[in-house]
């Protein structure tokens, strides 16, 4: 793999999908100890507005929201639909639990949201 820096993964320890992604990454040789993985707690340090904007442009707004989470349910789908992109990005940047997990930025700058093994394999090849 021709990586230029660490893979940045925003995850949540209690998230089963995050754990599954991290297990898969470990099998691919990614680890914090090896220096090719930066692991960030999404609830303490959400992705930056710039990273979220990149994901919005590349993946679409719908894929960014964790629609099964408590924060999303508290906000309400109608409220989210009524937001413009700037408001949506502000809400996501303010509450990491609103963001679909895991959220990653590859060394080449490609965003990944959720864990679909095929997508991750293609992005990290």
N, C-alpha and C. Protein backbone atom coordinates (compact mmCIF):
# COMPACT_ATOMS: atom_id res chain seq x y z
N UNK A 1 0.83 -1.19 0.00
CA UNK A 1 0.00 0.00 0.00
C UNK A 1 0.87 1.24 0.00
N UNK A 2 0.51 2.19 -0.82
CA UNK A 2 1.30 3.42 -0.91
C UNK A 2 0.62 4.50 -0.08
N UNK A 3 0.87 4.47 1.21
CA UNK A 3 0.28 5.43 2.13
C UNK A 3 1.28 6.54 2.42
N UNK A 4 0.78 7.76 2.56
CA UNK A 4 1.66 8.89 2.83
C UNK A 4 1.60 9.33 4.28
N UNK A 5 0.64 8.88 5.03
CA UNK A 5 0.50 9.24 6.43
C UNK A 5 -0.45 8.26 7.08
N UNK A 6 -0.78 8.50 8.33
CA UNK A 6 -1.67 7.54 8.99
C UNK A 6 -3.13 7.65 8.51
N UNK A 7 -3.81 6.55 8.57
CA UNK A 7 -5.25 6.51 8.35
C UNK A 7 -5.87 7.09 9.62
N UNK A 8 -6.71 8.11 9.48
CA UNK A 8 -7.36 8.75 10.63
C UNK A 8 -8.74 8.14 10.79
N UNK A 9 -8.97 7.46 11.92
CA UNK A 9 -10.25 6.81 12.17
C UNK A 9 -10.88 7.40 13.43
N UNK A 10 -12.06 7.97 13.23
CA UNK A 10 -12.87 8.47 14.35
C UNK A 10 -13.83 7.35 14.72
N UNK A 11 -13.74 6.87 15.96
CA UNK A 11 -14.60 5.77 16.36
C UNK A 11 -15.12 5.98 17.78
N UNK A 12 -15.96 5.06 18.20
CA UNK A 12 -16.59 5.09 19.52
C UNK A 12 -16.43 3.69 20.09
N UNK A 13 -15.84 3.58 21.26
CA UNK A 13 -15.50 2.28 21.84
C UNK A 13 -16.71 1.35 21.99
N UNK A 14 -17.89 1.90 22.27
CA UNK A 14 -19.08 1.07 22.45
C UNK A 14 -19.77 0.70 21.14
N UNK A 15 -19.23 1.14 20.01
CA UNK A 15 -19.85 0.90 18.71
C UNK A 15 -19.34 -0.42 18.12
N UNK A 16 -20.25 -1.36 17.91
CA UNK A 16 -19.89 -2.66 17.34
C UNK A 16 -19.31 -2.55 15.94
N UNK A 17 -19.85 -1.65 15.12
CA UNK A 17 -19.34 -1.47 13.76
C UNK A 17 -17.92 -0.93 13.81
N UNK A 18 -17.64 -0.04 14.75
CA UNK A 18 -16.29 0.50 14.90
C UNK A 18 -15.33 -0.61 15.29
N UNK A 19 -15.74 -1.45 16.23
CA UNK A 19 -14.87 -2.55 16.66
C UNK A 19 -14.60 -3.50 15.49
N UNK A 20 -15.62 -3.77 14.69
CA UNK A 20 -15.46 -4.64 13.53
C UNK A 20 -14.47 -4.03 12.53
N UNK A 21 -14.59 -2.73 12.29
CA UNK A 21 -13.68 -2.04 11.36
C UNK A 21 -12.24 -2.08 11.89
N UNK A 22 -12.07 -1.85 13.18
CA UNK A 22 -10.73 -1.84 13.76
C UNK A 22 -10.11 -3.24 13.74
N UNK A 23 -10.93 -4.26 13.94
CA UNK A 23 -10.41 -5.64 13.83
C UNK A 23 -9.95 -5.92 12.40
N UNK A 24 -10.75 -5.50 11.43
CA UNK A 24 -10.39 -5.70 10.03
C UNK A 24 -9.11 -4.93 9.69
N UNK A 25 -9.02 -3.68 10.17
CA UNK A 25 -7.82 -2.88 9.92
C UNK A 25 -6.58 -3.55 10.52
N UNK A 26 -6.71 -4.11 11.71
CA UNK A 26 -5.58 -4.80 12.35
C UNK A 26 -5.11 -5.96 11.47
N UNK A 27 -6.05 -6.68 10.89
CA UNK A 27 -5.69 -7.79 10.00
C UNK A 27 -4.99 -7.30 8.73
N UNK A 28 -5.24 -6.04 8.37
CA UNK A 28 -4.60 -5.45 7.19
C UNK A 28 -3.26 -4.81 7.54
N UNK A 29 -2.88 -4.87 8.82
CA UNK A 29 -1.59 -4.31 9.24
C UNK A 29 -1.64 -2.88 9.75
N UNK A 30 -2.83 -2.36 9.98
CA UNK A 30 -2.96 -1.00 10.50
C UNK A 30 -2.98 -1.05 12.03
N UNK A 31 -2.13 -0.23 12.65
CA UNK A 31 -2.15 -0.13 14.12
C UNK A 31 -1.56 1.20 14.54
N UNK A 32 -1.98 1.64 15.70
CA UNK A 32 -1.44 2.88 16.26
C UNK A 32 0.06 2.69 16.50
N UNK A 33 0.45 1.52 17.02
CA UNK A 33 1.87 1.24 17.30
C UNK A 33 2.72 1.28 16.04
N UNK A 34 2.17 0.82 14.91
CA UNK A 34 2.92 0.83 13.65
C UNK A 34 3.01 2.24 13.05
N UNK A 35 2.19 3.16 13.58
CA UNK A 35 2.23 4.53 13.09
C UNK A 35 1.41 4.79 11.84
N UNK A 36 0.67 3.78 11.37
CA UNK A 36 -0.13 3.98 10.17
C UNK A 36 -1.62 4.13 10.47
N UNK A 37 -1.95 4.28 11.77
CA UNK A 37 -3.33 4.45 12.19
C UNK A 37 -3.39 5.48 13.31
N UNK A 38 -4.23 6.49 13.12
CA UNK A 38 -4.51 7.47 14.18
C UNK A 38 -5.94 7.22 14.61
N UNK A 39 -6.12 6.86 15.86
CA UNK A 39 -7.45 6.52 16.39
C UNK A 39 -7.94 7.67 17.26
N UNK A 40 -9.14 8.17 16.95
CA UNK A 40 -9.68 9.34 17.64
C UNK A 40 -11.08 9.01 18.15
N UNK A 41 -11.35 9.37 19.41
CA UNK A 41 -12.67 9.17 20.00
C UNK A 41 -13.62 10.22 19.41
N UNK A 42 -14.58 9.76 18.61
CA UNK A 42 -15.48 10.67 17.90
C UNK A 42 -16.37 11.48 18.84
N UNK A 43 -16.60 10.98 20.06
CA UNK A 43 -17.46 11.71 21.01
C UNK A 43 -16.69 12.84 21.69
N UNK A 44 -15.37 12.68 21.83
CA UNK A 44 -14.55 13.72 22.45
C UNK A 44 -14.02 14.71 21.43
N UNK A 45 -13.64 14.20 20.26
CA UNK A 45 -13.07 15.03 19.20
C UNK A 45 -13.72 14.66 17.87
N UNK A 46 -14.86 15.29 17.55
CA UNK A 46 -15.50 14.99 16.26
C UNK A 46 -14.61 15.44 15.10
N UNK A 47 -14.87 14.89 13.91
CA UNK A 47 -14.12 15.35 12.73
C UNK A 47 -14.26 16.86 12.56
N UNK A 48 -13.26 17.45 11.96
CA UNK A 48 -13.27 18.90 11.75
C UNK A 48 -14.33 19.27 10.71
N UNK A 49 -14.77 20.53 10.72
CA UNK A 49 -15.72 20.97 9.68
C UNK A 49 -15.18 20.71 8.27
N UNK A 50 -13.88 20.86 8.07
CA UNK A 50 -13.29 20.61 6.75
C UNK A 50 -13.40 19.14 6.36
N UNK A 51 -13.15 18.24 7.31
CA UNK A 51 -13.27 16.81 7.04
C UNK A 51 -14.73 16.44 6.74
N UNK A 52 -15.65 17.03 7.50
CA UNK A 52 -17.07 16.77 7.28
C UNK A 52 -17.52 17.32 5.93
N UNK A 53 -17.02 18.49 5.55
CA UNK A 53 -17.34 19.08 4.25
C UNK A 53 -16.86 18.17 3.12
N UNK A 54 -15.66 17.64 3.26
CA UNK A 54 -15.09 16.71 2.28
C UNK A 54 -15.99 15.48 2.14
N UNK A 55 -16.42 14.94 3.26
CA UNK A 55 -17.29 13.77 3.23
C UNK A 55 -18.64 14.11 2.60
N UNK A 56 -19.17 15.28 2.92
CA UNK A 56 -20.44 15.73 2.34
C UNK A 56 -20.33 15.79 0.81
N UNK A 57 -19.24 16.39 0.33
CA UNK A 57 -19.05 16.54 -1.12
C UNK A 57 -18.86 15.19 -1.81
N UNK A 58 -18.17 14.26 -1.15
CA UNK A 58 -17.85 12.98 -1.77
C UNK A 58 -18.90 11.89 -1.57
N UNK A 59 -19.60 11.93 -0.44
CA UNK A 59 -20.51 10.83 -0.10
C UNK A 59 -21.98 11.24 -0.02
N UNK A 60 -22.23 12.53 0.08
CA UNK A 60 -23.61 13.00 0.22
C UNK A 60 -23.99 13.13 1.68
N UNK A 61 -24.90 14.02 1.92
CA UNK A 61 -25.30 14.36 3.29
C UNK A 61 -25.97 13.20 4.02
N UNK A 62 -26.79 12.44 3.33
CA UNK A 62 -27.55 11.37 3.97
C UNK A 62 -26.65 10.34 4.65
N UNK A 63 -25.51 10.05 4.04
CA UNK A 63 -24.61 9.02 4.59
C UNK A 63 -23.87 9.49 5.84
N UNK A 64 -23.84 10.77 6.11
CA UNK A 64 -23.08 11.28 7.24
C UNK A 64 -23.77 11.10 8.58
N UNK A 65 -25.09 11.03 8.57
CA UNK A 65 -25.83 10.98 9.84
C UNK A 65 -26.02 9.56 10.35
N UNK A 66 -25.78 9.39 11.65
CA UNK A 66 -26.03 8.13 12.34
C UNK A 66 -27.52 8.11 12.71
N UNK A 67 -28.34 7.65 11.78
CA UNK A 67 -29.79 7.75 11.94
C UNK A 67 -30.34 6.81 13.02
N UNK A 68 -29.53 5.88 13.50
CA UNK A 68 -30.01 4.98 14.55
C UNK A 68 -29.56 5.41 15.95
N UNK A 69 -28.86 6.54 16.04
CA UNK A 69 -28.33 6.98 17.32
C UNK A 69 -29.30 7.84 18.11
N UNK A 70 -29.03 7.93 19.41
CA UNK A 70 -29.87 8.72 20.31
C UNK A 70 -29.86 10.21 19.95
N UNK A 71 -28.69 10.72 19.59
CA UNK A 71 -28.60 12.15 19.26
C UNK A 71 -29.48 12.48 18.06
N UNK A 72 -29.47 11.59 17.05
CA UNK A 72 -30.29 11.81 15.85
C UNK A 72 -31.77 11.74 16.21
N UNK A 73 -32.15 10.75 17.00
CA UNK A 73 -33.56 10.62 17.39
C UNK A 73 -34.01 11.81 18.21
N UNK A 74 -33.12 12.33 19.07
CA UNK A 74 -33.47 13.50 19.89
C UNK A 74 -33.68 14.73 19.00
N UNK A 75 -32.86 14.85 17.97
CA UNK A 75 -32.97 15.97 17.04
C UNK A 75 -34.21 15.81 16.16
N UNK A 76 -34.43 14.62 15.67
CA UNK A 76 -35.58 14.33 14.82
C UNK A 76 -35.25 14.43 13.34
N UNK A 77 -35.73 13.47 12.58
CA UNK A 77 -35.41 13.42 11.15
C UNK A 77 -35.96 14.64 10.41
N UNK A 78 -37.12 15.14 10.83
CA UNK A 78 -37.70 16.32 10.16
C UNK A 78 -36.82 17.54 10.37
N UNK A 79 -36.26 17.67 11.56
CA UNK A 79 -35.37 18.80 11.85
C UNK A 79 -34.11 18.69 10.99
N UNK A 80 -33.56 17.47 10.86
CA UNK A 80 -32.36 17.27 10.04
C UNK A 80 -32.66 17.59 8.58
N UNK A 81 -33.81 17.14 8.09
CA UNK A 81 -34.19 17.40 6.69
C UNK A 81 -34.34 18.90 6.44
N UNK A 82 -34.78 19.65 7.45
CA UNK A 82 -35.01 21.09 7.30
C UNK A 82 -33.72 21.90 7.29
N UNK A 83 -32.61 21.28 7.75
CA UNK A 83 -31.33 22.00 7.81
C UNK A 83 -30.74 22.17 6.42
N UNK A 84 -30.06 23.31 6.21
CA UNK A 84 -29.27 23.43 4.99
C UNK A 84 -27.93 22.75 5.28
N UNK A 85 -27.07 22.65 4.27
CA UNK A 85 -25.81 21.93 4.44
C UNK A 85 -24.94 22.55 5.55
N UNK A 86 -24.89 23.86 5.61
CA UNK A 86 -24.07 24.52 6.63
C UNK A 86 -24.57 24.20 8.03
N UNK A 87 -25.89 24.20 8.22
CA UNK A 87 -26.46 23.85 9.53
C UNK A 87 -26.19 22.39 9.86
N UNK A 88 -26.33 21.52 8.87
CA UNK A 88 -26.08 20.10 9.08
C UNK A 88 -24.63 19.86 9.48
N UNK A 89 -23.70 20.51 8.78
CA UNK A 89 -22.28 20.36 9.12
C UNK A 89 -21.98 20.89 10.51
N UNK A 90 -22.63 21.98 10.89
CA UNK A 90 -22.46 22.53 12.23
C UNK A 90 -22.95 21.58 13.31
N UNK A 91 -24.10 20.97 13.06
CA UNK A 91 -24.65 20.00 14.02
C UNK A 91 -23.74 18.78 14.15
N UNK A 92 -23.25 18.29 13.01
CA UNK A 92 -22.36 17.13 13.03
C UNK A 92 -21.05 17.45 13.75
N UNK A 93 -20.49 18.62 13.49
CA UNK A 93 -19.22 19.00 14.12
C UNK A 93 -19.38 19.20 15.63
N UNK A 94 -20.59 19.55 16.06
CA UNK A 94 -20.83 19.81 17.48
C UNK A 94 -21.12 18.54 18.28
N UNK A 95 -21.58 17.47 17.62
CA UNK A 95 -21.96 16.25 18.33
C UNK A 95 -21.50 15.03 17.54
N UNK A 96 -20.39 14.45 17.96
CA UNK A 96 -19.83 13.30 17.27
C UNK A 96 -20.76 12.11 17.19
N UNK A 97 -21.71 12.02 18.12
CA UNK A 97 -22.64 10.89 18.10
C UNK A 97 -23.67 11.01 16.97
N UNK A 98 -23.76 12.18 16.35
CA UNK A 98 -24.65 12.35 15.19
C UNK A 98 -24.05 11.74 13.93
N UNK A 99 -22.72 11.54 13.95
CA UNK A 99 -22.00 11.11 12.75
C UNK A 99 -22.00 9.59 12.65
N UNK A 100 -22.27 9.10 11.45
CA UNK A 100 -22.21 7.66 11.19
C UNK A 100 -20.79 7.19 11.43
N UNK A 101 -20.68 6.07 12.16
CA UNK A 101 -19.36 5.57 12.56
C UNK A 101 -19.06 4.22 11.92
N UNK A 102 -17.78 3.91 11.82
CA UNK A 102 -16.65 4.80 12.00
C UNK A 102 -16.56 5.82 10.85
N UNK A 103 -15.91 6.91 11.12
CA UNK A 103 -15.67 7.96 10.14
C UNK A 103 -14.16 7.99 9.95
N UNK A 104 -13.69 7.89 8.72
CA UNK A 104 -12.25 7.84 8.48
C UNK A 104 -11.85 8.74 7.33
N UNK A 105 -10.61 9.19 7.41
CA UNK A 105 -9.99 9.93 6.32
C UNK A 105 -8.72 9.17 5.96
N UNK A 106 -8.64 8.71 4.72
CA UNK A 106 -7.48 7.96 4.28
C UNK A 106 -6.29 8.91 4.10
N UNK A 107 -5.07 8.37 4.05
CA UNK A 107 -3.90 9.22 3.83
C UNK A 107 -3.99 10.05 2.54
N UNK A 108 -4.71 9.53 1.55
CA UNK A 108 -4.87 10.29 0.30
C UNK A 108 -5.99 11.33 0.39
N UNK A 109 -6.69 11.35 1.53
CA UNK A 109 -7.72 12.35 1.74
C UNK A 109 -9.14 11.90 1.43
N UNK A 110 -9.33 10.63 1.10
CA UNK A 110 -10.67 10.12 0.80
C UNK A 110 -11.44 9.83 2.09
N UNK A 111 -12.69 10.29 2.18
CA UNK A 111 -13.49 10.01 3.37
C UNK A 111 -14.16 8.63 3.29
N UNK A 112 -14.29 7.99 4.44
CA UNK A 112 -15.02 6.73 4.55
C UNK A 112 -15.99 6.88 5.72
N UNK A 113 -17.23 6.44 5.50
CA UNK A 113 -18.24 6.55 6.54
C UNK A 113 -18.93 5.21 6.69
N UNK A 114 -19.06 4.75 7.95
CA UNK A 114 -19.61 3.42 8.17
C UNK A 114 -18.54 2.40 7.78
N UNK A 115 -18.82 1.13 7.98
CA UNK A 115 -17.84 0.13 7.59
C UNK A 115 -18.45 -0.84 6.59
N UNK A 116 -18.07 -0.63 5.33
CA UNK A 116 -18.39 -1.56 4.26
C UNK A 116 -17.03 -2.04 3.77
N UNK A 117 -16.70 -3.31 4.05
CA UNK A 117 -15.37 -3.82 3.78
C UNK A 117 -14.89 -3.55 2.37
N UNK A 118 -15.78 -3.73 1.38
CA UNK A 118 -15.39 -3.51 -0.02
C UNK A 118 -14.94 -2.07 -0.25
N UNK A 119 -15.67 -1.12 0.33
CA UNK A 119 -15.31 0.29 0.17
C UNK A 119 -13.96 0.59 0.81
N UNK A 120 -13.75 0.04 1.99
CA UNK A 120 -12.51 0.28 2.70
C UNK A 120 -11.34 -0.36 1.95
N UNK A 121 -11.53 -1.57 1.44
CA UNK A 121 -10.48 -2.24 0.67
C UNK A 121 -10.08 -1.40 -0.54
N UNK A 122 -11.07 -0.90 -1.26
CA UNK A 122 -10.82 -0.10 -2.46
C UNK A 122 -10.12 1.21 -2.10
N UNK A 123 -10.55 1.86 -1.02
CA UNK A 123 -9.98 3.15 -0.64
C UNK A 123 -8.56 3.03 -0.09
N UNK A 124 -8.26 1.89 0.49
CA UNK A 124 -6.94 1.70 1.12
C UNK A 124 -5.96 0.92 0.26
N UNK A 125 -6.40 0.51 -0.94
CA UNK A 125 -5.52 -0.28 -1.82
C UNK A 125 -4.40 0.56 -2.37
